[in-house]
Amino acid sequence: MITFQITEKDVEQYAVISGDYNPIHLDMEAAKQQGFTNKIAHGMLTVAKVLSVLSNESLIPQGLLSQYEFTFISPIYVENLVTLTIKQAENKIRVEGKCGEKIVVKGCLIVDRGNP
């Protein structure tokens, strides 16, 4: 298992890079008005964090990520810790992310390990 956190700084920087300034990511009151208990992380920021963690943990060594698919089950709030459970079989990596006991994201990645 691997754990990472999505910080307020991550969300703010991602908003600048992506141009996604939706207030539910940046303003507590706007998030609460939409029924959330805190500001939520951008979905693609979450994907980027997962891919970064997998790359840094050498789960995708010397291979090219050829395909991925993620499903967001529940929002990930700013400052949440996300714990990833990873199952790898040949060129397929399955990922499940939880905040506490709640599943928040699931994904499947295909890695091409062939010669370039």
PDB file of N, CA and C in Angstrom:
ATOM      1  N   MET A   1       0.843  -1.193   0.000  1.00  0.00           N
ATOM      2  CA  MET A   1       0.000   0.000   0.000  1.00  0.00           C
ATOM      3  C   MET A   1       0.882   1.248   0.000  1.00  0.00           C
ATOM      4  N   ILE A   2       0.400   2.254  -0.683  1.00  0.00           N
ATOM      5  CA  ILE A   2       1.104   3.527  -0.796  1.00  0.00           C
ATOM      6  C   ILE A   2       0.123   4.633  -0.414  1.00  0.00           C
ATOM      7  N   THR A   3       0.599   5.602   0.345  1.00  0.00           N
ATOM      8  CA  THR A   3      -0.265   6.702   0.781  1.00  0.00           C
ATOM      9  C   THR A   3       0.286   8.027   0.265  1.00  0.00           C
ATOM     10  N   PHE A   4      -0.635   8.899  -0.162  1.00  0.00           N
ATOM     11  CA  PHE A   4      -0.239  10.258  -0.539  1.00  0.00           C
ATOM     12  C   PHE A   4      -1.324  11.212  -0.073  1.00  0.00           C
ATOM     13  N   GLN A   5      -0.991  12.481  -0.036  1.00  0.00           N
ATOM     14  CA  GLN A   5      -1.935  13.517   0.386  1.00  0.00           C
ATOM     15  C   GLN A   5      -2.095  14.528  -0.733  1.00  0.00           C
ATOM     16  N   ILE A   6      -3.313  15.010  -0.890  1.00  0.00           N
ATOM     17  CA  ILE A   6      -3.567  16.117  -1.819  1.00  0.00           C
ATOM     18  C   ILE A   6      -3.707  17.372  -0.964  1.00  0.00           C
ATOM     19  N   THR A   7      -2.743  18.260  -1.123  1.00  0.00           N
ATOM     20  CA  THR A   7      -2.694  19.450  -0.279  1.00  0.00           C
ATOM     21  C   THR A   7      -3.415  20.630  -0.927  1.00  0.00           C
ATOM     22  N   GLU A   8      -3.627  21.634  -0.135  1.00  0.00           N
ATOM     23  CA  GLU A   8      -4.216  22.873  -0.637  1.00  0.00           C
ATOM     24  C   GLU A   8      -3.333  23.475  -1.731  1.00  0.00           C
ATOM     25  N   LYS A   9      -2.020  23.416  -1.513  1.00  0.00           N
ATOM     26  CA  LYS A   9      -1.079  23.941  -2.503  1.00  0.00           C
ATOM     27  C   LYS A   9      -1.186  23.159  -3.815  1.00  0.00           C
ATOM     28  N   ASP A  10      -1.327  21.816  -3.724  1.00  0.00           N
ATOM     29  CA  ASP A  10      -1.503  21.002  -4.929  1.00  0.00           C
ATOM     30  C   ASP A  10      -2.707  21.499  -5.728  1.00  0.00           C
ATOM     31  N   VAL A  11      -3.820  21.706  -5.044  1.00  0.00           N
ATOM     32  CA  VAL A  11      -5.068  22.111  -5.699  1.00  0.00           C
ATOM     33  C   VAL A  11      -4.912  23.494  -6.320  1.00  0.00           C
ATOM     34  N   GLU A  12      -4.320  24.416  -5.586  1.00  0.00           N
ATOM     35  CA  GLU A  12      -4.128  25.771  -6.105  1.00  0.00           C
ATOM     36  C   GLU A  12      -3.217  25.762  -7.338  1.00  0.00           C
ATOM     37  N   GLN A  13      -2.120  25.007  -7.279  1.00  0.00           N
ATOM     38  CA  GLN A  13      -1.209  24.942  -8.423  1.00  0.00           C
ATOM     39  C   GLN A  13      -1.867  24.256  -9.617  1.00  0.00           C
ATOM     40  N   TYR A  14      -2.655  23.221  -9.351  1.00  0.00           N
ATOM     41  CA  TYR A  14      -3.328  22.534 -10.447  1.00  0.00           C
ATOM     42  C   TYR A  14      -4.339  23.464 -11.124  1.00  0.00           C
ATOM     43  N   ALA A  15      -5.020  24.297 -10.344  1.00  0.00           N
ATOM     44  CA  ALA A  15      -5.976  25.252 -10.920  1.00  0.00           C
ATOM     45  C   ALA A  15      -5.259  26.178 -11.902  1.00  0.00           C
ATOM     46  N   VAL A  16      -4.075  26.643 -11.532  1.00  0.00           N
ATOM     47  CA  VAL A  16      -3.309  27.539 -12.400  1.00  0.00           C
ATOM     48  C   VAL A  16      -2.885  26.807 -13.670  1.00  0.00           C
ATOM     49  N   ILE A  17      -2.355  25.605 -13.517  1.00  0.00           N
ATOM     50  CA  ILE A  17      -1.852  24.848 -14.669  1.00  0.00           C
ATOM     51  C   ILE A  17      -2.990  24.453 -15.614  1.00  0.00           C
ATOM     52  N   SER A  18      -4.113  24.018 -15.037  1.00  0.00           N
ATOM     53  CA  SER A  18      -5.220  23.503 -15.860  1.00  0.00           C
ATOM     54  C   SER A  18      -6.173  24.593 -16.327  1.00  0.00           C
ATOM     55  N   GLY A  19      -6.202  25.712 -15.611  1.00  0.00           N
ATOM     56  CA  GLY A  19      -7.178  26.753 -15.910  1.00  0.00           C
ATOM     57  C   GLY A  19      -8.548  26.461 -15.318  1.00  0.00           C
ATOM     58  N   ASP A  20      -8.641  25.417 -14.496  1.00  0.00           N
ATOM     59  CA  ASP A  20      -9.909  25.034 -13.861  1.00  0.00           C
ATOM     60  C   ASP A  20     -10.017  25.710 -12.502  1.00  0.00           C
ATOM     61  N   TYR A  21     -10.702  26.838 -12.493  1.00  0.00           N
ATOM     62  CA  TYR A  21     -10.864  27.620 -11.271  1.00  0.00           C
ATOM     63  C   TYR A  21     -12.260  27.438 -10.665  1.00  0.00           C
ATOM     64  N   ASN A  22     -12.874  26.298 -10.918  1.00  0.00           N
ATOM     65  CA  ASN A  22     -14.193  26.034 -10.342  1.00  0.00           C
ATOM     66  C   ASN A  22     -14.112  26.269  -8.835  1.00  0.00           C
ATOM     67  N   PRO A  23     -15.000  27.095  -8.283  1.00  0.00           N
ATOM     68  CA  PRO A  23     -14.937  27.449  -6.861  1.00  0.00           C
ATOM     69  C   PRO A  23     -15.033  26.248  -5.902  1.00  0.00           C
ATOM     70  N   ILE A  24     -15.592  25.121  -6.328  1.00  0.00           N
ATOM     71  CA  ILE A  24     -15.674  23.972  -5.406  1.00  0.00           C
ATOM     72  C   ILE A  24     -14.280  23.433  -5.067  1.00  0.00           C
ATOM     73  N   HIS A  25     -13.282  23.800  -5.866  1.00  0.00           N
ATOM     74  CA  HIS A  25     -11.921  23.381  -5.592  1.00  0.00           C
ATOM     75  C   HIS A  25     -11.159  24.406  -4.743  1.00  0.00           C
ATOM     76  N   LEU A  26     -11.597  25.653  -4.779  1.00  0.00           N
ATOM     77  CA  LEU A  26     -10.798  26.731  -4.199  1.00  0.00           C
ATOM     78  C   LEU A  26     -11.475  27.525  -3.088  1.00  0.00           C
ATOM     79  N   ASP A  27     -12.773  27.389  -2.939  1.00  0.00           N
ATOM     80  CA  ASP A  27     -13.509  28.206  -1.973  1.00  0.00           C
ATOM     81  C   ASP A  27     -14.393  27.325  -1.092  1.00  0.00           C
ATOM     82  N   MET A  28     -14.142  27.358   0.208  1.00  0.00           N
ATOM     83  CA  MET A  28     -14.872  26.503   1.153  1.00  0.00           C
ATOM     84  C   MET A  28     -16.378  26.744   1.091  1.00  0.00           C
ATOM     85  N   GLU A  29     -16.777  27.999   1.049  1.00  0.00           N
ATOM     86  CA  GLU A  29     -18.216  28.302   1.029  1.00  0.00           C
ATOM     87  C   GLU A  29     -18.887  27.787  -0.244  1.00  0.00           C
ATOM     88  N   ALA A  30     -18.220  27.946  -1.361  1.00  0.00           N
ATOM     89  CA  ALA A  30     -18.775  27.446  -2.635  1.00  0.00           C
ATOM     90  C   ALA A  30     -18.903  25.929  -2.592  1.00  0.00           C
ATOM     91  N   ALA A  31     -17.906  25.263  -2.029  1.00  0.00           N
ATOM     92  CA  ALA A  31     -17.954  23.799  -1.917  1.00  0.00           C
ATOM     93  C   ALA A  31     -19.120  23.380  -1.024  1.00  0.00           C
ATOM     94  N   LYS A  32     -19.283  24.078   0.092  1.00  0.00           N
ATOM     95  CA  LYS A  32     -20.385  23.744   1.022  1.00  0.00           C
ATOM     96  C   LYS A  32     -21.743  24.005   0.381  1.00  0.00           C
ATOM     97  N   GLN A  33     -21.848  25.065  -0.420  1.00  0.00           N
ATOM     98  CA  GLN A  33     -23.109  25.355  -1.110  1.00  0.00           C
ATOM     99  C   GLN A  33     -23.482  24.245  -2.085  1.00  0.00           C
ATOM    100  N   GLN A  34     -22.483  23.506  -2.564  1.00  0.00           N
ATOM    101  CA  GLN A  34     -22.746  22.393  -3.492  1.00  0.00           C
ATOM    102  C   GLN A  34     -22.887  21.059  -2.751  1.00  0.00           C
ATOM    103  N   GLY A  35     -22.895  21.096  -1.414  1.00  0.00           N
ATOM    104  CA  GLY A  35     -23.133  19.894  -0.630  1.00  0.00           C
ATOM    105  C   GLY A  35     -21.889  19.150  -0.177  1.00  0.00           C
ATOM    106  N   PHE A  36     -20.716  19.729  -0.381  1.00  0.00           N
ATOM    107  CA  PHE A  36     -19.470  19.102   0.062  1.00  0.00           C
ATOM    108  C   PHE A  36     -19.106  19.625   1.443  1.00  0.00           C
ATOM    109  N   THR A  37     -18.320  18.851   2.191  1.00  0.00           N
ATOM    110  CA  THR A  37     -17.914  19.278   3.528  1.00  0.00           C
ATOM    111  C   THR A  37     -16.598  20.059   3.519  1.00  0.00           C
ATOM    112  N   ASN A  38     -15.930  20.076   2.381  1.00  0.00           N
ATOM    113  CA  ASN A  38     -14.659  20.781   2.238  1.00  0.00           C
ATOM    114  C   ASN A  38     -14.434  21.013   0.744  1.00  0.00           C
ATOM    115  N   LYS A  39     -13.379  21.758   0.424  1.00  0.00           N
ATOM    116  CA  LYS A  39     -12.996  21.922  -0.982  1.00  0.00           C
ATOM    117  C   LYS A  39     -12.566  20.558  -1.517  1.00  0.00           C
ATOM    118  N   ILE A  40     -12.912  20.280  -2.782  1.00  0.00           N
ATOM    119  CA  ILE A  40     -12.567  18.974  -3.343  1.00  0.00           C
ATOM    120  C   ILE A  40     -11.421  19.100  -4.354  1.00  0.00           C
ATOM    121  N   ALA A  41     -10.649  18.032  -4.435  1.00  0.00           N
ATOM    122  CA  ALA A  41      -9.542  17.978  -5.391  1.00  0.00           C
ATOM    123  C   ALA A  41     -10.098  17.794  -6.797  1.00  0.00           C
ATOM    124  N   HIS A  42      -9.414  18.351  -7.769  1.00  0.00           N
ATOM    125  CA  HIS A  42      -9.736  18.111  -9.177  1.00  0.00           C
ATOM    126  C   HIS A  42      -9.555  16.622  -9.462  1.00  0.00           C
ATOM    127  N   GLY A  43     -10.430  16.037 -10.246  1.00  0.00           N
ATOM    128  CA  GLY A  43     -10.303  14.632 -10.604  1.00  0.00           C
ATOM    129  C   GLY A  43      -8.997  14.331 -11.310  1.00  0.00           C
ATOM    130  N   MET A  44      -8.616  15.175 -12.254  1.00  0.00           N
ATOM    131  CA  MET A  44      -7.385  14.916 -13.011  1.00  0.00           C
ATOM    132  C   MET A  44      -6.139  15.160 -12.160  1.00  0.00           C
ATOM    133  N   LEU A  45      -6.242  15.994 -11.132  1.00  0.00           N
ATOM    134  CA  LEU A  45      -5.138  16.136 -10.183  1.00  0.00           C
ATOM    135  C   LEU A  45      -4.951  14.811  -9.450  1.00  0.00           C
ATOM    136  N   THR A  46      -6.044  14.193  -9.064  1.00  0.00           N
ATOM    137  CA  THR A  46      -5.978  12.896  -8.395  1.00  0.00           C
ATOM    138  C   THR A  46      -5.320  11.865  -9.302  1.00  0.00           C
ATOM    139  N   VAL A  47      -5.713  11.831 -10.565  1.00  0.00           N
ATOM    140  CA  VAL A  47      -5.107  10.897 -11.527  1.00  0.00           C
ATOM    141  C   VAL A  47      -3.606  11.177 -11.637  1.00  0.00           C
ATOM    142  N   ALA A  48      -3.230  12.435 -11.736  1.00  0.00           N
ATOM    143  CA  ALA A  48      -1.814  12.797 -11.849  1.00  0.00           C
ATOM    144  C   ALA A  48      -1.038  12.332 -10.620  1.00  0.00           C
ATOM    145  N   LYS A  49      -1.619  12.495  -9.446  1.00  0.00           N
ATOM    146  CA  LYS A  49      -0.963  12.042  -8.212  1.00  0.00           C
ATOM    147  C   LYS A  49      -0.791  10.529  -8.220  1.00  0.00           C
ATOM    148  N   VAL A  50      -1.827   9.797  -8.620  1.00  0.00           N
ATOM    149  CA  VAL A  50      -1.747   8.336  -8.662  1.00  0.00           C
ATOM    150  C   VAL A  50      -0.650   7.916  -9.639  1.00  0.00           C
ATOM    151  N   LEU A  51      -0.641   8.482 -10.837  1.00  0.00           N
ATOM    152  CA  LEU A  51       0.372   8.130 -11.829  1.00  0.00           C
ATOM    153  C   LEU A  51       1.774   8.483 -11.344  1.00  0.00           C
ATOM    154  N   SER A  52       1.908   9.607 -10.669  1.00  0.00           N
ATOM    155  CA  SER A  52       3.192  10.019 -10.115  1.00  0.00           C
ATOM    156  C   SER A  52       3.676   9.019  -9.068  1.00  0.00           C
ATOM    157  N   VAL A  53       2.786   8.639  -8.177  1.00  0.00           N
ATOM    158  CA  VAL A  53       3.137   7.678  -7.126  1.00  0.00           C
ATOM    159  C   VAL A  53       3.552   6.349  -7.744  1.00  0.00           C
ATOM    160  N   LEU A  54       2.792   5.872  -8.715  1.00  0.00           N
ATOM    161  CA  LEU A  54       3.123   4.596  -9.361  1.00  0.00           C
ATOM    162  C   LEU A  54       4.474   4.674 -10.075  1.00  0.00           C
ATOM    163  N   SER A  55       4.736   5.778 -10.738  1.00  0.00           N
ATOM    164  CA  SER A  55       6.017   5.944 -11.426  1.00  0.00           C
ATOM    165  C   SER A  55       7.169   6.017 -10.433  1.00  0.00           C
ATOM    166  N   ASN A  56       6.990   6.786  -9.383  1.00  0.00           N
ATOM    167  CA  ASN A  56       8.046   6.947  -8.380  1.00  0.00           C
ATOM    168  C   ASN A  56       8.307   5.667  -7.595  1.00  0.00           C
ATOM    169  N   GLU A  57       7.315   4.835  -7.482  1.00  0.00           N
ATOM    170  CA  GLU A  57       7.477   3.566  -6.771  1.00  0.00           C
ATOM    171  C   GLU A  57       7.963   2.468  -7.711  1.00  0.00           C
ATOM    172  N   SER A  58       8.311   2.845  -8.933  1.00  0.00           N
ATOM    173  CA  SER A  58       8.843   1.919  -9.945  1.00  0.00           C
ATOM    174  C   SER A  58       7.888   0.782 -10.278  1.00  0.00           C
ATOM    175  N   LEU A  59       6.605   1.058 -10.243  1.00  0.00           N
ATOM    176  CA  LEU A  59       5.639   0.043 -10.642  1.00  0.00           C
ATOM    177  C   LEU A  59       5.441   0.051 -12.148  1.00  0.00           C
ATOM    178  N   ILE A  60       5.933   1.094 -12.787  1.00  0.00           N
ATOM    179  CA  ILE A  60       5.864   1.162 -14.242  1.00  0.00           C
ATOM    180  C   ILE A  60       7.307   1.316 -14.757  1.00  0.00           C
ATOM    181  N   PRO A  61       8.188   0.363 -14.421  1.00  0.00           N
ATOM    182  CA  PRO A  61       9.588   0.528 -14.822  1.00  0.00           C
ATOM    183  C   PRO A  61       9.787   0.221 -16.299  1.00  0.00           C
ATOM    184  N   GLN A  62      10.541   1.061 -16.936  1.00  0.00           N
ATOM    185  CA  GLN A  62      10.956   0.841 -18.324  1.00  0.00           C
ATOM    186  C   GLN A  62       9.817   0.386 -19.224  1.00  0.00           C
ATOM    187  N   GLY A  63       8.683   0.925 -18.989  1.00  0.00           N
ATOM    188  CA  GLY A  63       7.533   0.621 -19.830  1.00  0.00           C
ATOM    189  C   GLY A  63       6.794   1.900 -20.148  1.00  0.00           C
ATOM    190  N   LEU A  64       5.949   1.833 -21.128  1.00  0.00           N
ATOM    191  CA  LEU A  64       5.151   2.990 -21.501  1.00  0.00           C
ATOM    192  C   LEU A  64       3.710   2.754 -21.087  1.00  0.00           C
ATOM    193  N   LEU A  65       3.147   3.730 -20.427  1.00  0.00           N
ATOM    194  CA  LEU A  65       1.739   3.651 -20.073  1.00  0.00           C
ATOM    195  C   LEU A  65       0.941   3.805 -21.356  1.00  0.00           C
ATOM    196  N   SER A  66       0.244   2.759 -21.759  1.00  0.00           N
ATOM    197  CA  SER A  66      -0.456   2.821 -23.041  1.00  0.00           C
ATOM    198  C   SER A  66      -1.945   3.115 -22.882  1.00  0.00           C
ATOM    199  N   GLN A  67      -2.472   2.867 -21.690  1.00  0.00           N
ATOM    200  CA  GLN A  67      -3.905   3.093 -21.496  1.00  0.00           C
ATOM    201  C   GLN A  67      -4.186   3.166 -20.004  1.00  0.00           C
ATOM    202  N   TYR A  68      -5.148   4.012 -19.647  1.00  0.00           N
ATOM    203  CA  TYR A  68      -5.606   4.014 -18.253  1.00  0.00           C
ATOM    204  C   TYR A  68      -7.053   4.459 -18.205  1.00  0.00           C
ATOM    205  N   GLU A  69      -7.696   4.026 -17.141  1.00  0.00           N
ATOM    206  CA  GLU A  69      -9.094   4.388 -16.919  1.00  0.00           C
ATOM    207  C   GLU A  69      -9.302   4.507 -15.418  1.00  0.00           C
ATOM    208  N   PHE A  70      -9.910   5.618 -14.997  1.00  0.00           N
ATOM    209  CA  PHE A  70     -10.198   5.831 -13.590  1.00  0.00           C
ATOM    210  C   PHE A  70     -11.674   6.131 -13.404  1.00  0.00           C
ATOM    211  N   THR A  71     -12.209   5.647 -12.313  1.00  0.00           N
ATOM    212  CA  THR A  71     -13.579   5.940 -11.922  1.00  0.00           C
ATOM    213  C   THR A  71     -13.530   6.607 -10.553  1.00  0.00           C
ATOM    214  N   PHE A  72     -14.182   7.747 -10.445  1.00  0.00           N
ATOM    215  CA  PHE A  72     -14.227   8.469  -9.180  1.00  0.00           C
ATOM    216  C   PHE A  72     -15.502   8.064  -8.444  1.00  0.00           C
ATOM    217  N   ILE A  73     -15.335   7.474  -7.284  1.00  0.00           N
ATOM    218  CA  ILE A  73     -16.456   6.948  -6.508  1.00  0.00           C
ATOM    219  C   ILE A  73     -17.006   8.018  -5.564  1.00  0.00           C
ATOM    220  N   SER A  74     -16.112   8.729  -4.910  1.00  0.00           N
ATOM    221  CA  SER A  74     -16.469   9.776  -3.948  1.00  0.00           C
ATOM    222  C   SER A  74     -15.464  10.908  -4.067  1.00  0.00           C
ATOM    223  N   PRO A  75     -15.847  12.106  -3.640  1.00  0.00           N
ATOM    224  CA  PRO A  75     -14.893  13.216  -3.734  1.00  0.00           C
ATOM    225  C   PRO A  75     -13.700  13.005  -2.809  1.00  0.00           C
ATOM    226  N   ILE A  76     -12.571  13.526  -3.242  1.00  0.00           N
ATOM    227  CA  ILE A  76     -11.382  13.564  -2.397  1.00  0.00           C
ATOM    228  C   ILE A  76     -11.239  15.009  -1.955  1.00  0.00           C
ATOM    229  N   TYR A  77     -11.261  15.205  -0.656  1.00  0.00           N
ATOM    230  CA  TYR A  77     -11.209  16.547  -0.109  1.00  0.00           C
ATOM    231  C   TYR A  77      -9.771  16.999   0.091  1.00  0.00           C
ATOM    232  N   VAL A  78      -9.577  18.309   0.014  1.00  0.00           N
ATOM    233  CA  VAL A  78      -8.269  18.897   0.249  1.00  0.00           C
ATOM    234  C   VAL A  78      -7.778  18.436   1.623  1.00  0.00           C
ATOM    235  N   GLU A  79      -6.520  18.026   1.652  1.00  0.00           N
ATOM    236  CA  GLU A  79      -5.799  17.529   2.827  1.00  0.00           C
ATOM    237  C   GLU A  79      -6.121  16.070   3.168  1.00  0.00           C
ATOM    238  N   ASN A  80      -6.970  15.397   2.381  1.00  0.00           N
ATOM    239  CA  ASN A  80      -7.211  13.966   2.602  1.00  0.00           C
ATOM    240  C   ASN A  80      -5.949  13.166   2.324  1.00  0.00           C
ATOM    241  N   LEU A  81      -5.798  12.088   3.081  1.00  0.00           N
ATOM    242  CA  LEU A  81      -4.790  11.081   2.788  1.00  0.00           C
ATOM    243  C   LEU A  81      -5.461  10.011   1.946  1.00  0.00           C
ATOM    244  N   VAL A  82      -4.830   9.629   0.859  1.00  0.00           N
ATOM    245  CA  VAL A  82      -5.355   8.590  -0.012  1.00  0.00           C
ATOM    246  C   VAL A  82      -4.404   7.397   0.086  1.00  0.00           C
ATOM    247  N   THR A  83      -4.967   6.228   0.397  1.00  0.00           N
ATOM    248  CA  THR A  83      -4.184   5.006   0.479  1.00  0.00           C
ATOM    249  C   THR A  83      -4.513   4.140  -0.728  1.00  0.00           C
ATOM    250  N   LEU A  84      -3.478   3.801  -1.482  1.00  0.00           N
ATOM    251  CA  LEU A  84      -3.657   3.002  -2.693  1.00  0.00           C
ATOM    252  C   LEU A  84      -3.338   1.539  -2.420  1.00  0.00           C
ATOM    253  N   THR A  85      -4.222   0.679  -2.878  1.00  0.00           N
ATOM    254  CA  THR A  85      -3.960  -0.747  -2.922  1.00  0.00           C
ATOM    255  C   THR A  85      -3.705  -1.073  -4.386  1.00  0.00           C
ATOM    256  N   ILE A  86      -2.605  -1.747  -4.648  1.00  0.00           N
ATOM    257  CA  ILE A  86      -2.170  -1.991  -6.022  1.00  0.00           C
ATOM    258  C   ILE A  86      -2.062  -3.483  -6.264  1.00  0.00           C
ATOM    259  N   LYS A  87      -2.663  -3.924  -7.356  1.00  0.00           N
ATOM    260  CA  LYS A  87      -2.565  -5.317  -7.770  1.00  0.00           C
ATOM    261  C   LYS A  87      -2.026  -5.332  -9.191  1.00  0.00           C
ATOM    262  N   GLN A  88      -0.917  -6.038  -9.370  1.00  0.00           N
ATOM    263  CA  GLN A  88      -0.253  -6.042 -10.667  1.00  0.00           C
ATOM    264  C   GLN A  88      -0.217  -7.468 -11.217  1.00  0.00           C
ATOM    265  N   ALA A  89      -0.614  -7.614 -12.457  1.00  0.00           N
ATOM    266  CA  ALA A  89      -0.548  -8.899 -13.156  1.00  0.00           C
ATOM    267  C   ALA A  89      -0.100  -8.624 -14.580  1.00  0.00           C
ATOM    268  N   GLU A  90       1.093  -9.108 -14.908  1.00  0.00           N
ATOM    269  CA  GLU A  90       1.689  -8.894 -16.225  1.00  0.00           C
ATOM    270  C   GLU A  90       1.684  -7.414 -16.568  1.00  0.00           C
ATOM    271  N   ASN A  91       0.982  -7.020 -17.610  1.00  0.00           N
ATOM    272  CA  ASN A  91       1.029  -5.610 -18.026  1.00  0.00           C
ATOM    273  C   ASN A  91      -0.154  -4.794 -17.498  1.00  0.00           C
ATOM    274  N   LYS A  92      -0.947  -5.342 -16.583  1.00  0.00           N
ATOM    275  CA  LYS A  92      -2.123  -4.646 -16.071  1.00  0.00           C
ATOM    276  C   LYS A  92      -1.926  -4.332 -14.582  1.00  0.00           C
ATOM    277  N   ILE A  93      -2.203  -3.091 -14.235  1.00  0.00           N
ATOM    278  CA  ILE A  93      -2.129  -2.657 -12.843  1.00  0.00           C
ATOM    279  C   ILE A  93      -3.510  -2.163 -12.431  1.00  0.00           C
ATOM    280  N   ARG A  94      -4.054  -2.750 -11.393  1.00  0.00           N
ATOM    281  CA  ARG A  94      -5.333  -2.291 -10.837  1.00  0.00           C
ATOM    282  C   ARG A  94      -5.052  -1.513  -9.552  1.00  0.00           C
ATOM    283  N   VAL A  95      -5.746  -0.381  -9.423  1.00  0.00           N
ATOM    284  CA  VAL A  95      -5.521   0.511  -8.298  1.00  0.00           C
ATOM    285  C   VAL A  95      -6.859   0.819  -7.629  1.00  0.00           C
ATOM    286  N   GLU A  96      -6.859   0.798  -6.312  1.00  0.00           N
ATOM    287  CA  GLU A  96      -8.034   1.229  -5.549  1.00  0.00           C
ATOM    288  C   GLU A  96      -7.550   2.223  -4.500  1.00  0.00           C
ATOM    289  N   GLY A  97      -8.150   3.395  -4.488  1.00  0.00           N
ATOM    290  CA  GLY A  97      -7.778   4.429  -3.530  1.00  0.00           C
ATOM    291  C   GLY A  97      -8.860   4.616  -2.493  1.00  0.00           C
ATOM    292  N   LYS A  98      -8.435   4.692  -1.231  1.00  0.00           N
ATOM    293  CA  LYS A  98      -9.370   4.903  -0.128  1.00  0.00           C
ATOM    294  C   LYS A  98      -8.934   6.095   0.717  1.00  0.00           C
ATOM    295  N   CYS A  99      -9.920   6.802   1.217  1.00  0.00           N
ATOM    296  CA  CYS A  99      -9.715   7.797   2.263  1.00  0.00           C
ATOM    297  C   CYS A  99     -10.365   7.179   3.503  1.00  0.00           C
ATOM    298  N   GLY A 100      -9.555   6.788   4.456  1.00  0.00           N
ATOM    299  CA  GLY A 100     -10.082   6.015   5.578  1.00  0.00           C
ATOM    300  C   GLY A 100     -10.559   4.678   5.052  1.00  0.00           C
ATOM    301  N   GLU A 101     -11.805   4.350   5.326  1.00  0.00           N
ATOM    302  CA  GLU A 101     -12.381   3.094   4.838  1.00  0.00           C
ATOM    303  C   GLU A 101     -13.221   3.278   3.582  1.00  0.00           C
ATOM    304  N   LYS A 102     -13.328   4.518   3.123  1.00  0.00           N
ATOM    305  CA  LYS A 102     -14.195   4.823   1.983  1.00  0.00           C
ATOM    306  C   LYS A 102     -13.423   4.779   0.666  1.00  0.00           C
ATOM    307  N   ILE A 103     -13.898   3.984  -0.283  1.00  0.00           N
ATOM    308  CA  ILE A 103     -13.290   3.945  -1.612  1.00  0.00           C
ATOM    309  C   ILE A 103     -13.621   5.244  -2.330  1.00  0.00           C
ATOM    310  N   VAL A 104     -12.585   5.899  -2.854  1.00  0.00           N
ATOM    311  CA  VAL A 104     -12.787   7.178  -3.536  1.00  0.00           C
ATOM    312  C   VAL A 104     -12.455   7.113  -5.022  1.00  0.00           C
ATOM    313  N   VAL A 105     -11.557   6.204  -5.404  1.00  0.00           N
ATOM    314  CA  VAL A 105     -11.157   6.105  -6.815  1.00  0.00           C
ATOM    315  C   VAL A 105     -10.705   4.675  -7.110  1.00  0.00           C
ATOM    316  N   LYS A 106     -11.039   4.233  -8.325  1.00  0.00           N
ATOM    317  CA  LYS A 106     -10.574   2.938  -8.816  1.00  0.00           C
ATOM    318  C   LYS A 106      -9.991   3.161 -10.198  1.00  0.00           C
ATOM    319  N   GLY A 107      -8.982   2.365 -10.536  1.00  0.00           N
ATOM    320  CA  GLY A 107      -8.391   2.532 -11.842  1.00  0.00           C
ATOM    321  C   GLY A 107      -7.727   1.268 -12.355  1.00  0.00           C
ATOM    322  N   CYS A 108      -7.510   1.258 -13.654  1.00  0.00           N
ATOM    323  CA  CYS A 108      -6.803   0.180 -14.310  1.00  0.00           C
ATOM    324  C   CYS A 108      -5.846   0.811 -15.322  1.00  0.00           C
ATOM    325  N   LEU A 109      -4.597   0.354 -15.305  1.00  0.00           N
ATOM    326  CA  LEU A 109      -3.571   0.876 -16.200  1.00  0.00           C
ATOM    327  C   LEU A 109      -2.993  -0.283 -16.997  1.00  0.00           C
ATOM    328  N   ILE A 110      -2.717  -0.032 -18.243  1.00  0.00           N
ATOM    329  CA  ILE A 110      -2.059  -1.006 -19.111  1.00  0.00           C
ATOM    330  C   ILE A 110      -0.673  -0.456 -19.437  1.00  0.00           C
ATOM    331  N   VAL A 111       0.344  -1.267 -19.189  1.00  0.00           N
ATOM    332  CA  VAL A 111       1.710  -0.850 -19.435  1.00  0.00           C
ATOM    333  C   VAL A 111       2.292  -1.700 -20.550  1.00  0.00           C
ATOM    334  N   ASP A 112       2.831  -1.025 -21.570  1.00  0.00           N
ATOM    335  CA  ASP A 112       3.481  -1.702 -22.688  1.00  0.00           C
ATOM    336  C   ASP A 112       4.950  -1.880 -22.311  1.00  0.00           C
ATOM    337  N   ARG A 113       5.326  -3.116 -22.086  1.00  0.00           N
ATOM    338  CA  ARG A 113       6.705  -3.405 -21.682  1.00  0.00           C
ATOM    339  C   ARG A 113       7.560  -3.914 -22.845  1.00  0.00           C
ATOM    340  N   GLY A 114       7.015  -3.817 -24.074  1.00  0.00           N
ATOM    341  CA  GLY A 114       7.743  -4.284 -25.248  1.00  0.00           C
ATOM    342  C   GLY A 114       8.906  -3.397 -25.582  1.00  0.00           C
ATOM    343  N   ASN A 115       9.687  -3.828 -26.515  1.00  0.00           N
ATOM    344  CA  ASN A 115      10.825  -3.035 -26.967  1.00  0.00           C
ATOM    345  C   ASN A 115      10.352  -1.878 -27.836  1.00  0.00           C
ATOM    346  N   PRO A 116      10.951  -0.707 -27.649  1.00  0.00           N
ATOM    347  CA  PRO A 116      10.542   0.461 -28.455  1.00  0.00           C
ATOM    348  C   PRO A 116      10.863   0.293 -29.922  1.00  0.00           C
TER     349      PRO A 116
END
